[in-house]
Amino acid sequence: MNLTEKSTENVEYMIEAIKGKLKVLNLGAIKPSHFDEEMYEELKDIYELVMRKPSFSPNEMQAIAEELGNLRKQ
């Protein structure tokens, strides 16, 4: 997967990977359709952070969820 290209497919891939790594229980809360390519770089930064770390504290998970919420389409 070439994440240097802004595309809907890459947004979907990153969101699904983040959800899987964080073991998001409410899967409906984070959907790829909630995000667009305008926030691609910010989403990619979050994705890279999540993929780098082996585990997360509850506070870190909350902060990531809040950041994703801030990136959602209005």
PDB file of N, CA and C in Angstrom:
ATOM      1  N   MET A   1       0.863  -1.177   0.000  1.00  0.00           N
ATOM      2  CA  MET A   1       0.000   0.000   0.000  1.00  0.00           C
ATOM      3  C   MET A   1       0.901   1.229   0.000  1.00  0.00           C
ATOM      4  N   ASN A   2       0.686   2.086  -0.954  1.00  0.00           N
ATOM      5  CA  ASN A   2       1.456   3.322  -1.070  1.00  0.00           C
ATOM      6  C   ASN A   2       0.668   4.461  -0.417  1.00  0.00           C
ATOM      7  N   LEU A   3       1.008   4.775   0.812  1.00  0.00           N
ATOM      8  CA  LEU A   3       0.254   5.788   1.555  1.00  0.00           C
ATOM      9  C   LEU A   3       0.707   7.204   1.258  1.00  0.00           C
ATOM     10  N   THR A   4       1.655   7.371   0.345  1.00  0.00           N
ATOM     11  CA  THR A   4       2.066   8.723  -0.022  1.00  0.00           C
ATOM     12  C   THR A   4       1.037   9.378  -0.938  1.00  0.00           C
ATOM     13  N   GLU A   5       0.158   8.593  -1.529  1.00  0.00           N
ATOM     14  CA  GLU A   5      -0.881   9.124  -2.417  1.00  0.00           C
ATOM     15  C   GLU A   5      -2.170   9.342  -1.637  1.00  0.00           C
ATOM     16  N   LYS A   6      -2.743  10.522  -1.801  1.00  0.00           N
ATOM     17  CA  LYS A   6      -4.020  10.813  -1.157  1.00  0.00           C
ATOM     18  C   LYS A   6      -5.116  10.125  -1.953  1.00  0.00           C
ATOM     19  N   SER A   7      -5.817   9.202  -1.318  1.00  0.00           N
ATOM     20  CA  SER A   7      -6.926   8.534  -1.993  1.00  0.00           C
ATOM     21  C   SER A   7      -7.929   8.031  -0.961  1.00  0.00           C
ATOM     22  N   THR A   8      -9.132   7.815  -1.419  1.00  0.00           N
ATOM     23  CA  THR A   8     -10.180   7.283  -0.554  1.00  0.00           C
ATOM     24  C   THR A   8      -9.794   5.900  -0.052  1.00  0.00           C
ATOM     25  N   GLU A   9      -9.183   5.104  -0.923  1.00  0.00           N
ATOM     26  CA  GLU A   9      -8.774   3.756  -0.536  1.00  0.00           C
ATOM     27  C   GLU A   9      -7.739   3.797   0.597  1.00  0.00           C
ATOM     28  N   ASN A  10      -6.801   4.736   0.519  1.00  0.00           N
ATOM     29  CA  ASN A  10      -5.790   4.854   1.568  1.00  0.00           C
ATOM     30  C   ASN A  10      -6.409   5.315   2.881  1.00  0.00           C
ATOM     31  N   VAL A  11      -7.379   6.223   2.804  1.00  0.00           N
ATOM     32  CA  VAL A  11      -8.084   6.666   4.014  1.00  0.00           C
ATOM     33  C   VAL A  11      -8.767   5.462   4.652  1.00  0.00           C
ATOM     34  N   GLU A  12      -9.468   4.663   3.843  1.00  0.00           N
ATOM     35  CA  GLU A  12     -10.149   3.481   4.359  1.00  0.00           C
ATOM     36  C   GLU A  12      -9.149   2.521   4.997  1.00  0.00           C
ATOM     37  N   TYR A  13      -8.038   2.281   4.326  1.00  0.00           N
ATOM     38  CA  TYR A  13      -7.017   1.372   4.840  1.00  0.00           C
ATOM     39  C   TYR A  13      -6.492   1.844   6.199  1.00  0.00           C
ATOM     40  N   MET A  14      -6.159   3.128   6.296  1.00  0.00           N
ATOM     41  CA  MET A  14      -5.599   3.648   7.548  1.00  0.00           C
ATOM     42  C   MET A  14      -6.608   3.579   8.685  1.00  0.00           C
ATOM     43  N   ILE A  15      -7.858   3.933   8.418  1.00  0.00           N
ATOM     44  CA  ILE A  15      -8.893   3.896   9.454  1.00  0.00           C
ATOM     45  C   ILE A  15      -9.094   2.465   9.944  1.00  0.00           C
ATOM     46  N   GLU A  16      -9.177   1.513   9.028  1.00  0.00           N
ATOM     47  CA  GLU A  16      -9.371   0.126   9.416  1.00  0.00           C
ATOM     48  C   GLU A  16      -8.172  -0.395  10.217  1.00  0.00           C
ATOM     49  N   ALA A  17      -6.964   0.006   9.834  1.00  0.00           N
ATOM     50  CA  ALA A  17      -5.760  -0.416  10.552  1.00  0.00           C
ATOM     51  C   ALA A  17      -5.731   0.176  11.957  1.00  0.00           C
ATOM     52  N   ILE A  18      -6.107   1.436  12.092  1.00  0.00           N
ATOM     53  CA  ILE A  18      -6.151   2.091  13.402  1.00  0.00           C
ATOM     54  C   ILE A  18      -7.179   1.386  14.286  1.00  0.00           C
ATOM     55  N   LYS A  19      -8.364   1.128  13.741  1.00  0.00           N
ATOM     56  CA  LYS A  19      -9.405   0.452  14.512  1.00  0.00           C
ATOM     57  C   LYS A  19      -8.932  -0.922  14.968  1.00  0.00           C
ATOM     58  N   GLY A  20      -8.258  -1.644  14.094  1.00  0.00           N
ATOM     59  CA  GLY A  20      -7.775  -2.967  14.450  1.00  0.00           C
ATOM     60  C   GLY A  20      -6.712  -2.926  15.529  1.00  0.00           C
ATOM     61  N   LYS A  21      -5.793  -2.007  15.408  1.00  0.00           N
ATOM     62  CA  LYS A  21      -4.694  -1.911  16.376  1.00  0.00           C
ATOM     63  C   LYS A  21      -5.200  -1.456  17.745  1.00  0.00           C
ATOM     64  N   LEU A  22      -6.149  -0.540  17.755  1.00  0.00           N
ATOM     65  CA  LEU A  22      -6.679  -0.025  19.017  1.00  0.00           C
ATOM     66  C   LEU A  22      -7.790  -0.909  19.578  1.00  0.00           C
ATOM     67  N   LYS A  23      -8.215  -1.892  18.790  1.00  0.00           N
ATOM     68  CA  LYS A  23      -9.300  -2.787  19.205  1.00  0.00           C
ATOM     69  C   LYS A  23     -10.537  -1.984  19.593  1.00  0.00           C
ATOM     70  N   VAL A  24     -10.944  -1.111  18.694  1.00  0.00           N
ATOM     71  CA  VAL A  24     -12.100  -0.243  18.926  1.00  0.00           C
ATOM     72  C   VAL A  24     -13.344  -1.114  19.076  1.00  0.00           C
ATOM     73  N   LEU A  25     -14.043  -0.948  20.190  1.00  0.00           N
ATOM     74  CA  LEU A  25     -15.224  -1.756  20.456  1.00  0.00           C
ATOM     75  C   LEU A  25     -16.437  -1.257  19.689  1.00  0.00           C
ATOM     76  N   ASN A  26     -16.616   0.036  19.606  1.00  0.00           N
ATOM     77  CA  ASN A  26     -17.753   0.605  18.899  1.00  0.00           C
ATOM     78  C   ASN A  26     -17.322   0.891  17.459  1.00  0.00           C
ATOM     79  N   LEU A  27     -17.372  -0.132  16.618  1.00  0.00           N
ATOM     80  CA  LEU A  27     -16.859  -0.011  15.255  1.00  0.00           C
ATOM     81  C   LEU A  27     -17.630   1.005  14.424  1.00  0.00           C
ATOM     82  N   GLY A  28     -18.873   1.270  14.781  1.00  0.00           N
ATOM     83  CA  GLY A  28     -19.652   2.252  14.056  1.00  0.00           C
ATOM     84  C   GLY A  28     -19.235   3.678  14.345  1.00  0.00           C
ATOM     85  N   ALA A  29     -18.475   3.867  15.415  1.00  0.00           N
ATOM     86  CA  ALA A  29     -18.067   5.213  15.814  1.00  0.00           C
ATOM     87  C   ALA A  29     -17.016   5.794  14.880  1.00  0.00           C
ATOM     88  N   ILE A  30     -16.227   4.932  14.272  1.00  0.00           N
ATOM     89  CA  ILE A  30     -15.173   5.391  13.359  1.00  0.00           C
ATOM     90  C   ILE A  30     -15.368   4.701  12.024  1.00  0.00           C
ATOM     91  N   LYS A  31     -15.772   5.466  11.037  1.00  0.00           N
ATOM     92  CA  LYS A  31     -15.981   4.917   9.697  1.00  0.00           C
ATOM     93  C   LYS A  31     -15.132   5.694   8.704  1.00  0.00           C
ATOM     94  N   PRO A  32     -14.597   5.004   7.710  1.00  0.00           N
ATOM     95  CA  PRO A  32     -13.815   5.710   6.689  1.00  0.00           C
ATOM     96  C   PRO A  32     -14.594   6.832   6.015  1.00  0.00           C
ATOM     97  N   SER A  33     -15.910   6.674   5.891  1.00  0.00           N
ATOM     98  CA  SER A  33     -16.726   7.701   5.230  1.00  0.00           C
ATOM     99  C   SER A  33     -16.785   8.992   6.039  1.00  0.00           C
ATOM    100  N   HIS A  34     -16.362   8.967   7.298  1.00  0.00           N
ATOM    101  CA  HIS A  34     -16.352  10.171   8.138  1.00  0.00           C
ATOM    102  C   HIS A  34     -15.180  11.086   7.819  1.00  0.00           C
ATOM    103  N   PHE A  35     -14.263  10.621   6.995  1.00  0.00           N
ATOM    104  CA  PHE A  35     -13.032  11.369   6.735  1.00  0.00           C
ATOM    105  C   PHE A  35     -12.901  11.640   5.240  1.00  0.00           C
ATOM    106  N   ASP A  36     -12.258  12.742   4.903  1.00  0.00           N
ATOM    107  CA  ASP A  36     -11.994  13.012   3.502  1.00  0.00           C
ATOM    108  C   ASP A  36     -10.507  13.289   3.303  1.00  0.00           C
ATOM    109  N   GLU A  37     -10.138  13.485   2.068  1.00  0.00           N
ATOM    110  CA  GLU A  37      -8.727  13.627   1.723  1.00  0.00           C
ATOM    111  C   GLU A  37      -8.131  14.955   2.177  1.00  0.00           C
ATOM    112  N   GLU A  38      -8.949  15.923   2.573  1.00  0.00           N
ATOM    113  CA  GLU A  38      -8.422  17.208   3.042  1.00  0.00           C
ATOM    114  C   GLU A  38      -7.609  17.045   4.318  1.00  0.00           C
ATOM    115  N   MET A  39      -7.956  16.071   5.129  1.00  0.00           N
ATOM    116  CA  MET A  39      -7.268  15.823   6.396  1.00  0.00           C
ATOM    117  C   MET A  39      -6.304  14.647   6.281  1.00  0.00           C
ATOM    118  N   TYR A  40      -5.906  14.323   5.075  1.00  0.00           N
ATOM    119  CA  TYR A  40      -5.102  13.125   4.825  1.00  0.00           C
ATOM    120  C   TYR A  40      -3.798  13.114   5.615  1.00  0.00           C
ATOM    121  N   GLU A  41      -3.067  14.200   5.584  1.00  0.00           N
ATOM    122  CA  GLU A  41      -1.759  14.233   6.255  1.00  0.00           C
ATOM    123  C   GLU A  41      -1.905  14.042   7.768  1.00  0.00           C
ATOM    124  N   GLU A  42      -2.917  14.669   8.352  1.00  0.00           N
ATOM    125  CA  GLU A  42      -3.149  14.523   9.786  1.00  0.00           C
ATOM    126  C   GLU A  42      -3.527  13.085  10.129  1.00  0.00           C
ATOM    127  N   LEU A  43      -4.387  12.490   9.291  1.00  0.00           N
ATOM    128  CA  LEU A  43      -4.784  11.105   9.492  1.00  0.00           C
ATOM    129  C   LEU A  43      -3.580  10.170   9.345  1.00  0.00           C
ATOM    130  N   LYS A  44      -2.735  10.464   8.377  1.00  0.00           N
ATOM    131  CA  LYS A  44      -1.540   9.645   8.166  1.00  0.00           C
ATOM    132  C   LYS A  44      -0.605   9.738   9.374  1.00  0.00           C
ATOM    133  N   ASP A  45      -0.482  10.921   9.962  1.00  0.00           N
ATOM    134  CA  ASP A  45       0.348  11.081  11.166  1.00  0.00           C
ATOM    135  C   ASP A  45      -0.178  10.212  12.307  1.00  0.00           C
ATOM    136  N   ILE A  46      -1.486  10.215  12.498  1.00  0.00           N
ATOM    137  CA  ILE A  46      -2.089   9.389  13.551  1.00  0.00           C
ATOM    138  C   ILE A  46      -1.857   7.915  13.245  1.00  0.00           C
ATOM    139  N   TYR A  47      -2.060   7.539  11.991  1.00  0.00           N
ATOM    140  CA  TYR A  47      -1.842   6.149  11.577  1.00  0.00           C
ATOM    141  C   TYR A  47      -0.413   5.700  11.885  1.00  0.00           C
ATOM    142  N   GLU A  48       0.559   6.520  11.513  1.00  0.00           N
ATOM    143  CA  GLU A  48       1.960   6.162  11.739  1.00  0.00           C
ATOM    144  C   GLU A  48       2.268   6.043  13.227  1.00  0.00           C
ATOM    145  N   LEU A  49       1.725   6.931  14.039  1.00  0.00           N
ATOM    146  CA  LEU A  49       1.906   6.857  15.486  1.00  0.00           C
ATOM    147  C   LEU A  49       1.332   5.549  16.034  1.00  0.00           C
ATOM    148  N   VAL A  50       0.119   5.238  15.635  1.00  0.00           N
ATOM    149  CA  VAL A  50      -0.555   4.034  16.132  1.00  0.00           C
ATOM    150  C   VAL A  50       0.211   2.779  15.712  1.00  0.00           C
ATOM    151  N   MET A  51       0.696   2.743  14.493  1.00  0.00           N
ATOM    152  CA  MET A  51       1.392   1.553  14.006  1.00  0.00           C
ATOM    153  C   MET A  51       2.768   1.380  14.665  1.00  0.00           C
ATOM    154  N   ARG A  52       3.380   2.459  15.097  1.00  0.00           N
ATOM    155  CA  ARG A  52       4.703   2.406  15.730  1.00  0.00           C
ATOM    156  C   ARG A  52       4.670   1.827  17.138  1.00  0.00           C
ATOM    157  N   LYS A  53       3.622   2.140  17.871  1.00  0.00           N
ATOM    158  CA  LYS A  53       3.573   1.759  19.288  1.00  0.00           C
ATOM    159  C   LYS A  53       2.998   0.356  19.468  1.00  0.00           C
ATOM    160  N   PRO A  54       3.594  -0.421  20.376  1.00  0.00           N
ATOM    161  CA  PRO A  54       3.084  -1.774  20.593  1.00  0.00           C
ATOM    162  C   PRO A  54       1.797  -1.814  21.428  1.00  0.00           C
ATOM    163  N   SER A  55       1.589  -0.818  22.283  1.00  0.00           N
ATOM    164  CA  SER A  55       0.387  -0.797  23.113  1.00  0.00           C
ATOM    165  C   SER A  55       0.082   0.642  23.529  1.00  0.00           C
ATOM    166  N   PHE A  56      -1.120   0.818  24.077  1.00  0.00           N
ATOM    167  CA  PHE A  56      -1.587   2.161  24.429  1.00  0.00           C
ATOM    168  C   PHE A  56      -2.244   2.151  25.793  1.00  0.00           C
ATOM    169  N   SER A  57      -2.026   3.223  26.547  1.00  0.00           N
ATOM    170  CA  SER A  57      -2.726   3.383  27.816  1.00  0.00           C
ATOM    171  C   SER A  57      -4.147   3.860  27.508  1.00  0.00           C
ATOM    172  N   PRO A  58      -5.050   3.728  28.453  1.00  0.00           N
ATOM    173  CA  PRO A  58      -6.408   4.255  28.230  1.00  0.00           C
ATOM    174  C   PRO A  58      -6.406   5.744  27.890  1.00  0.00           C
ATOM    175  N   ASN A  59      -5.525   6.516  28.518  1.00  0.00           N
ATOM    176  CA  ASN A  59      -5.463   7.953  28.216  1.00  0.00           C
ATOM    177  C   ASN A  59      -5.007   8.200  26.789  1.00  0.00           C
ATOM    178  N   GLU A  60      -4.034   7.409  26.327  1.00  0.00           N
ATOM    179  CA  GLU A  60      -3.570   7.564  24.946  1.00  0.00           C
ATOM    180  C   GLU A  60      -4.670   7.195  23.955  1.00  0.00           C
ATOM    181  N   MET A  61      -5.392   6.136  24.259  1.00  0.00           N
ATOM    182  CA  MET A  61      -6.492   5.729  23.371  1.00  0.00           C
ATOM    183  C   MET A  61      -7.558   6.814  23.307  1.00  0.00           C
ATOM    184  N   GLN A  62      -7.852   7.423  24.451  1.00  0.00           N
ATOM    185  CA  GLN A  62      -8.835   8.510  24.488  1.00  0.00           C
ATOM    186  C   GLN A  62      -8.358   9.700  23.656  1.00  0.00           C
ATOM    187  N   ALA A  63      -7.081  10.032  23.774  1.00  0.00           N
ATOM    188  CA  ALA A  63      -6.524  11.160  23.021  1.00  0.00           C
ATOM    189  C   ALA A  63      -6.578  10.884  21.517  1.00  0.00           C
ATOM    190  N   ILE A  64      -6.277   9.662  21.119  1.00  0.00           N
ATOM    191  CA  ILE A  64      -6.326   9.309  19.689  1.00  0.00           C
ATOM    192  C   ILE A  64      -7.766   9.390  19.188  1.00  0.00           C
ATOM    193  N   ALA A  65      -8.698   8.876  19.972  1.00  0.00           N
ATOM    194  CA  ALA A  65     -10.111   8.937  19.585  1.00  0.00           C
ATOM    195  C   ALA A  65     -10.575  10.387  19.442  1.00  0.00           C
ATOM    196  N   GLU A  66     -10.138  11.242  20.352  1.00  0.00           N
ATOM    197  CA  GLU A  66     -10.509  12.659  20.267  1.00  0.00           C
ATOM    198  C   GLU A  66      -9.912  13.308  19.019  1.00  0.00           C
ATOM    199  N   GLU A  67      -8.666  12.987  18.723  1.00  0.00           N
ATOM    200  CA  GLU A  67      -8.017  13.540  17.522  1.00  0.00           C
ATOM    201  C   GLU A  67      -8.755  13.087  16.268  1.00  0.00           C
ATOM    202  N   LEU A  68      -9.123  11.816  16.216  1.00  0.00           N
ATOM    203  CA  LEU A  68      -9.884  11.322  15.058  1.00  0.00           C
ATOM    204  C   LEU A  68     -11.214  12.050  14.972  1.00  0.00           C
ATOM    205  N   GLY A  69     -11.846  12.283  16.114  1.00  0.00           N
ATOM    206  CA  GLY A  69     -13.088  13.034  16.121  1.00  0.00           C
ATOM    207  C   GLY A  69     -12.931  14.437  15.585  1.00  0.00           C
ATOM    208  N   ASN A  70     -11.800  15.059  15.887  1.00  0.00           N
ATOM    209  CA  ASN A  70     -11.530  16.418  15.375  1.00  0.00           C
ATOM    210  C   ASN A  70     -11.327  16.437  13.863  1.00  0.00           C
ATOM    211  N   LEU A  71     -10.898  15.305  13.301  1.00  0.00           N
ATOM    212  CA  LEU A  71     -10.640  15.242  11.859  1.00  0.00           C
ATOM    213  C   LEU A  71     -11.862  14.890  11.040  1.00  0.00           C
ATOM    214  N   ARG A  72     -12.916  14.478  11.713  1.00  0.00           N
ATOM    215  CA  ARG A  72     -14.131  14.059  10.989  1.00  0.00           C
ATOM    216  C   ARG A  72     -14.698  15.213  10.173  1.00  0.00           C
ATOM    217  N   LYS A  73     -15.337  14.822   9.065  1.00  0.00           N
ATOM    218  CA  LYS A  73     -16.020  15.820   8.225  1.00  0.00           C
ATOM    219  C   LYS A  73     -17.120  16.478   9.042  1.00  0.00           C
ATOM    220  N   GLN A  74     -17.306  17.749   8.807  1.00  0.00           N
ATOM    221  CA  GLN A  74     -18.359  18.491   9.518  1.00  0.00           C
ATOM    222  C   GLN A  74     -19.668  18.364   8.808  1.00  0.00           C
TER     223      GLN A  74
END
